[in-house]
Amino acid sequence: MEINLTEVIRSFTAPMKVCGVVTRDKYFLEGVIEGVPLELSVLPGLHRESFEQAAHQLREYFKTNRDHSELFPSVRFAIESWQFKKSLTSQEPKWNQPVELNALLLSPSLKDLERARILGRSCFKLKIARGESANDINKLLQHLAPNEKVRFDGNKMLSENDLENLLEAISPHWSHIDYIEEPFAHFRDHLNWRHPVPLAVDESLPMLLKHTGPSGLNKAVLKPALFGFDESVRIIDSLAKRGVTVTLSSSFEGPIGMAANFALASYQNSIQPNPAGLDTLSFFN
């Protein structure tokens, strides 16, 4: 098998801060193997492996064909997405349905909201732990149409008291809040949350998967590049049986990786329709 992969660098339109790590450029390894495109990417701050480590392991995989359980998550995702695209399974309707997207708003501004609406979005995601004022968030919520929803992302930076105070300030608009993503630093605080506005886990998803006790958590965010393509399918199936709705989310993949994410979002939607957090290619130059 001939392996020709090229290193590609894509720059963000503005520096991207993920888990405390600021990234300006993202590295990709891309190519076509046996007529099917393959992409490897690693997001600093999110993946534990470096791009160099993942790229080396990917190249070695095609020489040794190591067991997937021994591979870095980013490498598993790259290889399994490529294998999926080669398979007849990828042609089935459940993998090729239209996928509604939520729009990432960089600030609680009405201009950002209108720009997203022009693109046909009706679900919006907004980070709420970077000094955004409750007043500005309230104004944004006031301008939402009855069918529009917002998802807040707390980035593990809020206390329970912080979140309760914010929600009290915007209480007339709770019906517009789909969920609040990973607001607390500790998983147990998410389990203990008792409030009409639901939470979703993101970074804590592995702990939710292991948790066997009763839980009020029925929303989860899944970044396939942190688990692999095949494991993501198993996670979607497993959580669906537990009544948990999954939101597919990007780790700022390129076009090839995003195609795999969209296939997984389509599969998720065949079980429970849900806007996906895959509107991220626009953040590259």
C-alpha atoms as a PDB file:
ATOM      1  CA  MET A   1       0.000   0.000   0.000  1.00  0.00           C
ATOM      2  CA  GLU A   2       1.432   3.359  -1.063  1.00  0.00           C
ATOM      3  CA  ILE A   3       1.115   6.021   1.643  1.00  0.00           C
ATOM      4  CA  ASN A   4       1.511   9.627   0.522  1.00  0.00           C
ATOM      5  CA  LEU A   5       0.478  12.068   3.223  1.00  0.00           C
ATOM      6  CA  THR A   6       1.092  15.812   3.180  1.00  0.00           C
ATOM      7  CA  GLU A   7       1.385  18.128   6.150  1.00  0.00           C
ATOM      8  CA  VAL A   8      -1.053  21.032   5.890  1.00  0.00           C
ATOM      9  CA  ILE A   9      -1.216  24.106   8.144  1.00  0.00           C
ATOM     10  CA  ARG A  10      -4.472  26.022   8.561  1.00  0.00           C
ATOM     11  CA  SER A  11      -4.534  29.316  10.463  1.00  0.00           C
ATOM     12  CA  PHE A  12      -7.418  30.436  12.634  1.00  0.00           C
ATOM     13  CA  THR A  13      -9.011  33.784  11.845  1.00  0.00           C
ATOM     14  CA  ALA A  14      -8.238  34.716  15.463  1.00  0.00           C
ATOM     15  CA  PRO A  15      -6.185  32.887  18.122  1.00  0.00           C
ATOM     16  CA  MET A  16      -8.217  30.004  19.542  1.00  0.00           C
ATOM     17  CA  LYS A  17      -8.034  29.240  23.274  1.00  0.00           C
ATOM     18  CA  VAL A  18      -8.878  25.648  24.199  1.00  0.00           C
ATOM     19  CA  CYS A  19      -8.452  24.345  27.758  1.00  0.00           C
ATOM     20  CA  GLY A  20      -6.047  27.185  28.521  1.00  0.00           C
ATOM     21  CA  VAL A  21      -3.881  26.626  25.424  1.00  0.00           C
ATOM     22  CA  VAL A  22      -3.828  29.353  22.770  1.00  0.00           C
ATOM     23  CA  THR A  23      -3.475  28.082  19.199  1.00  0.00           C
ATOM     24  CA  ARG A  24      -2.996  30.178  16.082  1.00  0.00           C
ATOM     25  CA  ASP A  25      -2.226  27.444  13.555  1.00  0.00           C
ATOM     26  CA  LYS A  26      -3.500  23.879  13.376  1.00  0.00           C
ATOM     27  CA  TYR A  27      -1.523  21.080  11.732  1.00  0.00           C
ATOM     28  CA  PHE A  28      -3.064  18.357   9.591  1.00  0.00           C
ATOM     29  CA  LEU A  29      -1.772  15.260   7.846  1.00  0.00           C
ATOM     30  CA  GLU A  30      -3.822  14.669   4.712  1.00  0.00           C
ATOM     31  CA  GLY A  31      -3.788  12.348   1.738  1.00  0.00           C
ATOM     32  CA  VAL A  32      -5.682   9.828  -0.354  1.00  0.00           C
ATOM     33  CA  ILE A  33      -5.121   6.122   0.331  1.00  0.00           C
ATOM     34  CA  GLU A  34      -6.718   3.506  -1.922  1.00  0.00           C
ATOM     35  CA  GLY A  35      -8.853   6.232  -3.439  1.00  0.00           C
ATOM     36  CA  VAL A  36     -10.284   7.383  -0.086  1.00  0.00           C
ATOM     37  CA  PRO A  37      -9.247  10.624   1.657  1.00  0.00           C
ATOM     38  CA  LEU A  38      -7.659  10.463   5.125  1.00  0.00           C
ATOM     39  CA  GLU A  39      -7.060  13.274   7.597  1.00  0.00           C
ATOM     40  CA  LEU A  40      -5.250  13.403  10.926  1.00  0.00           C
ATOM     41  CA  SER A  41      -5.441  16.422  13.217  1.00  0.00           C
ATOM     42  CA  VAL A  42      -4.683  17.161  16.859  1.00  0.00           C
ATOM     43  CA  LEU A  43      -6.027  20.108  18.834  1.00  0.00           C
ATOM     44  CA  PRO A  44      -3.544  21.394  21.458  1.00  0.00           C
ATOM     45  CA  GLY A  45      -5.131  21.580  24.892  1.00  0.00           C
ATOM     46  CA  LEU A  46      -7.727  18.982  23.996  1.00  0.00           C
ATOM     47  CA  HIS A  47      -5.666  15.978  22.933  1.00  0.00           C
ATOM     48  CA  ARG A  48      -2.976  14.598  25.202  1.00  0.00           C
ATOM     49  CA  GLU A  49      -0.867  13.450  22.269  1.00  0.00           C
ATOM     50  CA  SER A  50       1.062  15.955  20.174  1.00  0.00           C
ATOM     51  CA  PHE A  51       0.638  16.237  16.431  1.00  0.00           C
ATOM     52  CA  GLU A  52       4.146  14.834  15.947  1.00  0.00           C
ATOM     53  CA  GLN A  53       3.368  11.790  18.112  1.00  0.00           C
ATOM     54  CA  ALA A  54       0.094  11.145  16.319  1.00  0.00           C
ATOM     55  CA  ALA A  55       1.602  11.585  12.849  1.00  0.00           C
ATOM     56  CA  HIS A  56       4.389   9.123  13.654  1.00  0.00           C
ATOM     57  CA  GLN A  57       1.915   6.564  15.008  1.00  0.00           C
ATOM     58  CA  LEU A  58      -0.357   6.930  11.992  1.00  0.00           C
ATOM     59  CA  ARG A  59       2.482   6.253   9.567  1.00  0.00           C
ATOM     60  CA  GLU A  60       3.599   3.257  11.648  1.00  0.00           C
ATOM     61  CA  TYR A  61       0.078   1.861  11.734  1.00  0.00           C
ATOM     62  CA  PHE A  62       0.077   1.184   8.021  1.00  0.00           C
ATOM     63  CA  LYS A  63       3.316  -0.770   8.447  1.00  0.00           C
ATOM     64  CA  THR A  64       2.361  -2.787  11.532  1.00  0.00           C
ATOM     65  CA  ASN A  65      -1.476  -2.672  11.628  1.00  0.00           C
ATOM     66  CA  ARG A  66      -1.525  -2.288  15.441  1.00  0.00           C
ATOM     67  CA  ASP A  67      -4.673  -2.972  17.421  1.00  0.00           C
ATOM     68  CA  HIS A  68      -6.847   0.154  17.518  1.00  0.00           C
ATOM     69  CA  SER A  69      -7.024   0.074  21.317  1.00  0.00           C
ATOM     70  CA  GLU A  70      -3.301   0.882  21.375  1.00  0.00           C
ATOM     71  CA  LEU A  71      -3.626   3.983  19.207  1.00  0.00           C
ATOM     72  CA  PHE A  72      -4.008   7.616  20.218  1.00  0.00           C
ATOM     73  CA  PRO A  73      -7.645   8.803  19.954  1.00  0.00           C
ATOM     74  CA  SER A  74      -6.831  11.194  17.108  1.00  0.00           C
ATOM     75  CA  VAL A  75      -5.182   8.358  15.179  1.00  0.00           C
ATOM     76  CA  ARG A  76      -8.125   6.021  15.812  1.00  0.00           C
ATOM     77  CA  PHE A  77     -10.493   8.681  14.520  1.00  0.00           C
ATOM     78  CA  ALA A  78      -8.416   9.244  11.380  1.00  0.00           C
ATOM     79  CA  ILE A  79      -8.051   5.549  10.524  1.00  0.00           C
ATOM     80  CA  GLU A  80     -11.571   4.462  11.423  1.00  0.00           C
ATOM     81  CA  SER A  81     -13.112   7.382   9.524  1.00  0.00           C
ATOM     82  CA  TRP A  82     -11.075   6.351   6.490  1.00  0.00           C
ATOM     83  CA  GLN A  83     -12.140   2.714   6.889  1.00  0.00           C
ATOM     84  CA  PHE A  84     -15.775   3.754   7.291  1.00  0.00           C
ATOM     85  CA  LYS A  85     -15.662   5.833   4.115  1.00  0.00           C
ATOM     86  CA  LYS A  86     -14.294   2.815   2.232  1.00  0.00           C
ATOM     87  CA  SER A  87     -17.078   0.544   3.478  1.00  0.00           C
ATOM     88  CA  LEU A  88     -20.513  -0.045   1.955  1.00  0.00           C
ATOM     89  CA  THR A  89     -22.013   0.968   5.304  1.00  0.00           C
ATOM     90  CA  SER A  90     -21.202   4.614   4.569  1.00  0.00           C
ATOM     91  CA  GLN A  91     -23.761   4.582   1.727  1.00  0.00           C
ATOM     92  CA  GLU A  92     -26.702   3.744   3.991  1.00  0.00           C
ATOM     93  CA  PRO A  93     -29.306   6.542   4.382  1.00  0.00           C
ATOM     94  CA  LYS A  94     -28.845   6.867   8.158  1.00  0.00           C
ATOM     95  CA  TRP A  95     -25.294   8.124   7.560  1.00  0.00           C
ATOM     96  CA  ASN A  96     -26.252  10.680   4.911  1.00  0.00           C
ATOM     97  CA  GLN A  97     -29.143  12.725   6.272  1.00  0.00           C
ATOM     98  CA  PRO A  98     -29.091  16.544   6.387  1.00  0.00           C
ATOM     99  CA  VAL A  99     -27.639  17.785   9.673  1.00  0.00           C
ATOM    100  CA  GLU A 100     -28.859  20.948  11.359  1.00  0.00           C
ATOM    101  CA  LEU A 101     -26.077  22.987  12.958  1.00  0.00           C
ATOM    102  CA  ASN A 102     -25.892  25.189  15.998  1.00  0.00           C
ATOM    103  CA  ALA A 103     -23.978  28.418  15.511  1.00  0.00           C
ATOM    104  CA  LEU A 104     -21.084  29.397  17.778  1.00  0.00           C
ATOM    105  CA  LEU A 105     -21.498  33.029  18.817  1.00  0.00           C
ATOM    106  CA  LEU A 106     -18.259  34.700  19.836  1.00  0.00           C
ATOM    107  CA  SER A 107     -20.142  37.156  22.034  1.00  0.00           C
ATOM    108  CA  PRO A 108     -23.731  37.779  23.215  1.00  0.00           C
ATOM    109  CA  SER A 109     -24.194  40.437  20.545  1.00  0.00           C
ATOM    110  CA  LEU A 110     -27.264  40.897  18.390  1.00  0.00           C
ATOM    111  CA  LYS A 111     -25.029  41.368  15.337  1.00  0.00           C
ATOM    112  CA  ASP A 112     -23.554  37.890  15.840  1.00  0.00           C
ATOM    113  CA  LEU A 113     -27.064  36.528  16.286  1.00  0.00           C
ATOM    114  CA  GLU A 114     -28.264  38.091  13.043  1.00  0.00           C
ATOM    115  CA  ARG A 115     -25.257  36.784  11.115  1.00  0.00           C
ATOM    116  CA  ALA A 116     -26.052  33.280  12.310  1.00  0.00           C
ATOM    117  CA  ARG A 117     -29.699  33.661  11.363  1.00  0.00           C
ATOM    118  CA  ILE A 118     -28.720  34.653   7.833  1.00  0.00           C
ATOM    119  CA  LEU A 119     -27.019  31.249   7.590  1.00  0.00           C
ATOM    120  CA  GLY A 120     -30.279  29.602   8.587  1.00  0.00           C
ATOM    121  CA  ARG A 121     -29.314  28.751  12.170  1.00  0.00           C
ATOM    122  CA  SER A 122     -31.944  28.527  14.899  1.00  0.00           C
ATOM    123  CA  CYS A 123     -29.776  27.052  17.670  1.00  0.00           C
ATOM    124  CA  PHE A 124     -26.878  29.061  19.083  1.00  0.00           C
ATOM    125  CA  LYS A 125     -23.960  28.319  21.395  1.00  0.00           C
ATOM    126  CA  LEU A 126     -22.437  30.964  23.658  1.00  0.00           C
ATOM    127  CA  LYS A 127     -19.616  30.759  26.200  1.00  0.00           C
ATOM    128  CA  ILE A 128     -20.642  32.294  29.534  1.00  0.00           C
ATOM    129  CA  ALA A 129     -17.592  32.167  31.808  1.00  0.00           C
ATOM    130  CA  ARG A 130     -15.363  34.831  30.267  1.00  0.00           C
ATOM    131  CA  GLY A 131     -16.869  37.952  31.824  1.00  0.00           C
ATOM    132  CA  GLU A 132     -20.044  38.156  29.740  1.00  0.00           C
ATOM    133  CA  SER A 133     -22.608  40.251  31.597  1.00  0.00           C
ATOM    134  CA  ALA A 134     -25.995  38.879  32.575  1.00  0.00           C
ATOM    135  CA  ASN A 135     -27.500  42.022  31.070  1.00  0.00           C
ATOM    136  CA  ASP A 136     -26.013  41.329  27.619  1.00  0.00           C
ATOM    137  CA  ILE A 137     -27.071  37.678  27.789  1.00  0.00           C
ATOM    138  CA  ASN A 138     -30.559  38.778  28.793  1.00  0.00           C
ATOM    139  CA  LYS A 139     -30.786  41.098  25.777  1.00  0.00           C
ATOM    140  CA  LEU A 140     -29.756  38.277  23.473  1.00  0.00           C
ATOM    141  CA  LEU A 141     -32.403  35.962  24.931  1.00  0.00           C
ATOM    142  CA  GLN A 142     -35.066  38.649  24.595  1.00  0.00           C
ATOM    143  CA  HIS A 143     -34.486  38.713  20.845  1.00  0.00           C
ATOM    144  CA  LEU A 144     -34.838  34.972  20.297  1.00  0.00           C
ATOM    145  CA  ALA A 145     -37.830  33.750  18.317  1.00  0.00           C
ATOM    146  CA  PRO A 146     -40.103  31.136  19.939  1.00  0.00           C
ATOM    147  CA  ASN A 147     -38.467  28.317  17.954  1.00  0.00           C
ATOM    148  CA  GLU A 148     -34.878  29.379  18.709  1.00  0.00           C
ATOM    149  CA  LYS A 149     -32.657  27.817  21.367  1.00  0.00           C
ATOM    150  CA  VAL A 150     -29.357  28.718  22.993  1.00  0.00           C
ATOM    151  CA  ARG A 151     -26.694  26.475  24.510  1.00  0.00           C
ATOM    152  CA  PHE A 152     -24.367  27.965  27.108  1.00  0.00           C
ATOM    153  CA  ASP A 153     -20.838  26.657  27.630  1.00  0.00           C
ATOM    154  CA  GLY A 154     -19.376  27.181  31.103  1.00  0.00           C
ATOM    155  CA  ASN A 155     -15.953  25.660  30.339  1.00  0.00           C
ATOM    156  CA  LYS A 156     -15.751  24.208  33.883  1.00  0.00           C
ATOM    157  CA  MET A 157     -15.225  27.730  35.241  1.00  0.00           C
ATOM    158  CA  LEU A 158     -18.396  28.371  37.284  1.00  0.00           C
ATOM    159  CA  SER A 159     -19.443  27.567  40.812  1.00  0.00           C
ATOM    160  CA  GLU A 160     -22.956  26.378  41.538  1.00  0.00           C
ATOM    161  CA  ASN A 161     -23.673  29.747  43.136  1.00  0.00           C
ATOM    162  CA  ASP A 162     -22.354  31.605  40.065  1.00  0.00           C
ATOM    163  CA  LEU A 163     -24.625  29.638  37.771  1.00  0.00           C
ATOM    164  CA  GLU A 164     -27.693  29.973  39.993  1.00  0.00           C
ATOM    165  CA  ASN A 165     -27.200  33.755  40.152  1.00  0.00           C
ATOM    166  CA  LEU A 166     -26.881  33.990  36.358  1.00  0.00           C
ATOM    167  CA  LEU A 167     -29.976  31.870  35.816  1.00  0.00           C
ATOM    168  CA  GLU A 168     -31.952  33.954  38.285  1.00  0.00           C
ATOM    169  CA  ALA A 169     -31.029  37.088  36.305  1.00  0.00           C
ATOM    170  CA  ILE A 170     -32.338  35.569  33.073  1.00  0.00           C
ATOM    171  CA  SER A 171     -35.212  33.551  34.577  1.00  0.00           C
ATOM    172  CA  PRO A 172     -37.922  34.782  32.142  1.00  0.00           C
ATOM    173  CA  HIS A 173     -36.054  33.070  29.300  1.00  0.00           C
ATOM    174  CA  TRP A 174     -35.280  29.609  30.672  1.00  0.00           C
ATOM    175  CA  SER A 175     -37.448  28.020  27.996  1.00  0.00           C
ATOM    176  CA  HIS A 176     -34.920  29.162  25.358  1.00  0.00           C
ATOM    177  CA  ILE A 177     -31.986  27.389  27.064  1.00  0.00           C
ATOM    178  CA  ASP A 178     -31.389  23.939  25.602  1.00  0.00           C
ATOM    179  CA  TYR A 179     -28.656  23.152  28.128  1.00  0.00           C
ATOM    180  CA  ILE A 180     -25.586  24.484  29.907  1.00  0.00           C
ATOM    181  CA  GLU A 181     -22.461  22.620  28.897  1.00  0.00           C
ATOM    182  CA  GLU A 182     -19.929  21.526  31.532  1.00  0.00           C
ATOM    183  CA  PRO A 183     -20.200  24.542  33.883  1.00  0.00           C
ATOM    184  CA  PHE A 184     -18.489  22.967  36.919  1.00  0.00           C
ATOM    185  CA  ALA A 185     -14.955  21.750  37.538  1.00  0.00           C
ATOM    186  CA  HIS A 186     -16.080  18.504  39.209  1.00  0.00           C
ATOM    187  CA  PHE A 187     -18.284  15.821  37.690  1.00  0.00           C
ATOM    188  CA  ARG A 188     -20.061  15.177  41.000  1.00  0.00           C
ATOM    189  CA  ASP A 189     -21.420  18.746  40.957  1.00  0.00           C
ATOM    190  CA  HIS A 190     -23.095  18.023  37.612  1.00  0.00           C
ATOM    191  CA  LEU A 191     -24.641  14.869  39.076  1.00  0.00           C
ATOM    192  CA  ASN A 192     -25.976  16.847  42.045  1.00  0.00           C
ATOM    193  CA  TRP A 193     -27.534  19.633  39.937  1.00  0.00           C
ATOM    194  CA  ARG A 194     -31.280  19.950  40.497  1.00  0.00           C
ATOM    195  CA  HIS A 195     -32.696  22.786  38.434  1.00  0.00           C
ATOM    196  CA  PRO A 196     -35.249  23.244  35.617  1.00  0.00           C
ATOM    197  CA  VAL A 197     -32.414  24.255  33.254  1.00  0.00           C
ATOM    198  CA  PRO A 198     -30.505  21.078  32.329  1.00  0.00           C
ATOM    199  CA  LEU A 199     -26.762  20.544  32.129  1.00  0.00           C
ATOM    200  CA  ALA A 200     -24.714  18.670  29.543  1.00  0.00           C
ATOM    201  CA  VAL A 201     -21.358  16.986  30.025  1.00  0.00           C
ATOM    202  CA  ASP A 202     -18.481  17.415  27.599  1.00  0.00           C
ATOM    203  CA  GLU A 203     -15.059  16.902  29.175  1.00  0.00           C
ATOM    204  CA  SER A 204     -16.745  14.700  31.790  1.00  0.00           C
ATOM    205  CA  LEU A 205     -18.314  12.389  29.215  1.00  0.00           C
ATOM    206  CA  PRO A 206     -15.946   9.472  30.069  1.00  0.00           C
ATOM    207  CA  MET A 207     -17.121   9.683  33.689  1.00  0.00           C
ATOM    208  CA  LEU A 208     -20.778   9.717  32.648  1.00  0.00           C
ATOM    209  CA  LEU A 209     -20.168   6.592  30.567  1.00  0.00           C
ATOM    210  CA  LYS A 210     -18.791   4.824  33.643  1.00  0.00           C
ATOM    211  CA  HIS A 211     -21.466   6.152  36.008  1.00  0.00           C
ATOM    212  CA  THR A 212     -24.092   3.513  36.809  1.00  0.00           C
ATOM    213  CA  GLY A 213     -26.153   5.275  39.468  1.00  0.00           C
ATOM    214  CA  PRO A 214     -29.197   7.520  39.004  1.00  0.00           C
ATOM    215  CA  SER A 215     -28.476  10.804  37.262  1.00  0.00           C
ATOM    216  CA  GLY A 216     -30.443  13.792  36.048  1.00  0.00           C
ATOM    217  CA  LEU A 217     -27.995  14.249  33.193  1.00  0.00           C
ATOM    218  CA  ASN A 218     -29.702  13.590  29.871  1.00  0.00           C
ATOM    219  CA  LYS A 219     -27.527  15.703  27.558  1.00  0.00           C
ATOM    220  CA  ALA A 220     -23.971  14.979  26.416  1.00  0.00           C
ATOM    221  CA  VAL A 221     -21.505  16.530  23.987  1.00  0.00           C
ATOM    222  CA  LEU A 222     -19.384  14.092  21.998  1.00  0.00           C
ATOM    223  CA  LYS A 223     -16.142  15.050  20.244  1.00  0.00           C
ATOM    224  CA  PRO A 224     -15.383  11.979  18.091  1.00  0.00           C
ATOM    225  CA  ALA A 225     -11.696  12.860  17.691  1.00  0.00           C
ATOM    226  CA  LEU A 226     -11.271  12.153  21.412  1.00  0.00           C
ATOM    227  CA  PHE A 227     -12.701   8.631  21.152  1.00  0.00           C
ATOM    228  CA  GLY A 228     -12.390   7.357  17.606  1.00  0.00           C
ATOM    229  CA  PHE A 229     -15.099   6.843  14.990  1.00  0.00           C
ATOM    230  CA  ASP A 230     -16.127   3.324  16.020  1.00  0.00           C
ATOM    231  CA  GLU A 231     -16.225   4.113  19.733  1.00  0.00           C
ATOM    232  CA  SER A 232     -18.330   7.209  18.996  1.00  0.00           C
ATOM    233  CA  VAL A 233     -20.963   4.985  17.381  1.00  0.00           C
ATOM    234  CA  ARG A 234     -20.994   2.784  20.477  1.00  0.00           C
ATOM    235  CA  ILE A 235     -21.292   5.838  22.738  1.00  0.00           C
ATOM    236  CA  ILE A 236     -24.260   7.196  20.756  1.00  0.00           C
ATOM    237  CA  ASP A 237     -26.022   3.825  20.968  1.00  0.00           C
ATOM    238  CA  SER A 238     -25.250   3.340  24.656  1.00  0.00           C
ATOM    239  CA  LEU A 239     -26.397   6.813  25.709  1.00  0.00           C
ATOM    240  CA  ALA A 240     -29.557   6.571  23.600  1.00  0.00           C
ATOM    241  CA  LYS A 241     -30.556   3.498  25.636  1.00  0.00           C
ATOM    242  CA  ARG A 242     -30.097   5.603  28.784  1.00  0.00           C
ATOM    243  CA  GLY A 243     -32.240   8.438  27.436  1.00  0.00           C
ATOM    244  CA  VAL A 244     -29.267  10.757  26.879  1.00  0.00           C
ATOM    245  CA  THR A 245     -29.290  12.933  23.761  1.00  0.00           C
ATOM    246  CA  VAL A 246     -25.876  13.426  22.163  1.00  0.00           C
ATOM    247  CA  THR A 247     -24.651  16.602  20.483  1.00  0.00           C
ATOM    248  CA  LEU A 248     -21.842  15.917  17.996  1.00  0.00           C
ATOM    249  CA  SER A 249     -19.077  18.489  18.329  1.00  0.00           C
ATOM    250  CA  SER A 250     -15.983  19.351  16.334  1.00  0.00           C
ATOM    251  CA  SER A 251     -12.370  19.546  17.485  1.00  0.00           C
ATOM    252  CA  PHE A 252     -11.728  21.960  14.605  1.00  0.00           C
ATOM    253  CA  GLU A 253     -11.117  19.236  12.045  1.00  0.00           C
ATOM    254  CA  GLY A 254     -10.535  20.021   8.384  1.00  0.00           C
ATOM    255  CA  PRO A 255     -12.924  19.132   5.538  1.00  0.00           C
ATOM    256  CA  ILE A 256     -12.143  15.394   5.597  1.00  0.00           C
ATOM    257  CA  GLY A 257     -12.520  15.033   9.344  1.00  0.00           C
ATOM    258  CA  MET A 258     -15.659  17.149   9.287  1.00  0.00           C
ATOM    259  CA  ALA A 259     -17.226  14.774   6.752  1.00  0.00           C
ATOM    260  CA  ALA A 260     -16.774  11.955   9.275  1.00  0.00           C
ATOM    261  CA  ASN A 261     -18.290  14.116  12.020  1.00  0.00           C
ATOM    262  CA  PHE A 262     -21.298  14.864   9.816  1.00  0.00           C
ATOM    263  CA  ALA A 263     -21.798  11.143   9.163  1.00  0.00           C
ATOM    264  CA  LEU A 264     -21.846  10.537  12.923  1.00  0.00           C
ATOM    265  CA  ALA A 265     -24.243  13.450  13.445  1.00  0.00           C
ATOM    266  CA  SER A 266     -26.528  11.978  10.792  1.00  0.00           C
ATOM    267  CA  TYR A 267     -26.422   8.631  12.608  1.00  0.00           C
ATOM    268  CA  GLN A 268     -27.234  10.368  15.911  1.00  0.00           C
ATOM    269  CA  ASN A 269     -30.147  12.163  14.231  1.00  0.00           C
ATOM    270  CA  SER A 270     -31.557   8.844  13.017  1.00  0.00           C
ATOM    271  CA  ILE A 271     -32.056   8.073  16.733  1.00  0.00           C
ATOM    272  CA  GLN A 272     -32.827  11.527  18.146  1.00  0.00           C
ATOM    273  CA  PRO A 273     -32.712  14.666  15.927  1.00  0.00           C
ATOM    274  CA  ASN A 274     -30.425  17.256  17.475  1.00  0.00           C
ATOM    275  CA  PRO A 275     -28.451  20.221  16.051  1.00  0.00           C
ATOM    276  CA  ALA A 276     -24.739  19.476  15.890  1.00  0.00           C
ATOM    277  CA  GLY A 277     -21.833  21.698  16.935  1.00  0.00           C
ATOM    278  CA  LEU A 278     -19.985  21.353  13.644  1.00  0.00           C
ATOM    279  CA  ASP A 279     -20.027  24.933  12.362  1.00  0.00           C
ATOM    280  CA  THR A 280     -16.251  25.384  12.785  1.00  0.00           C
ATOM    281  CA  LEU A 281     -14.604  25.435   9.352  1.00  0.00           C
ATOM    282  CA  SER A 282     -15.535  29.134   9.177  1.00  0.00           C
ATOM    283  CA  PHE A 283     -13.027  29.820  11.975  1.00  0.00           C
ATOM    284  CA  PHE A 284     -10.110  29.092   9.642  1.00  0.00           C
ATOM    285  CA  ASN A 285      -8.759  31.639   7.174  1.00  0.00           C
END
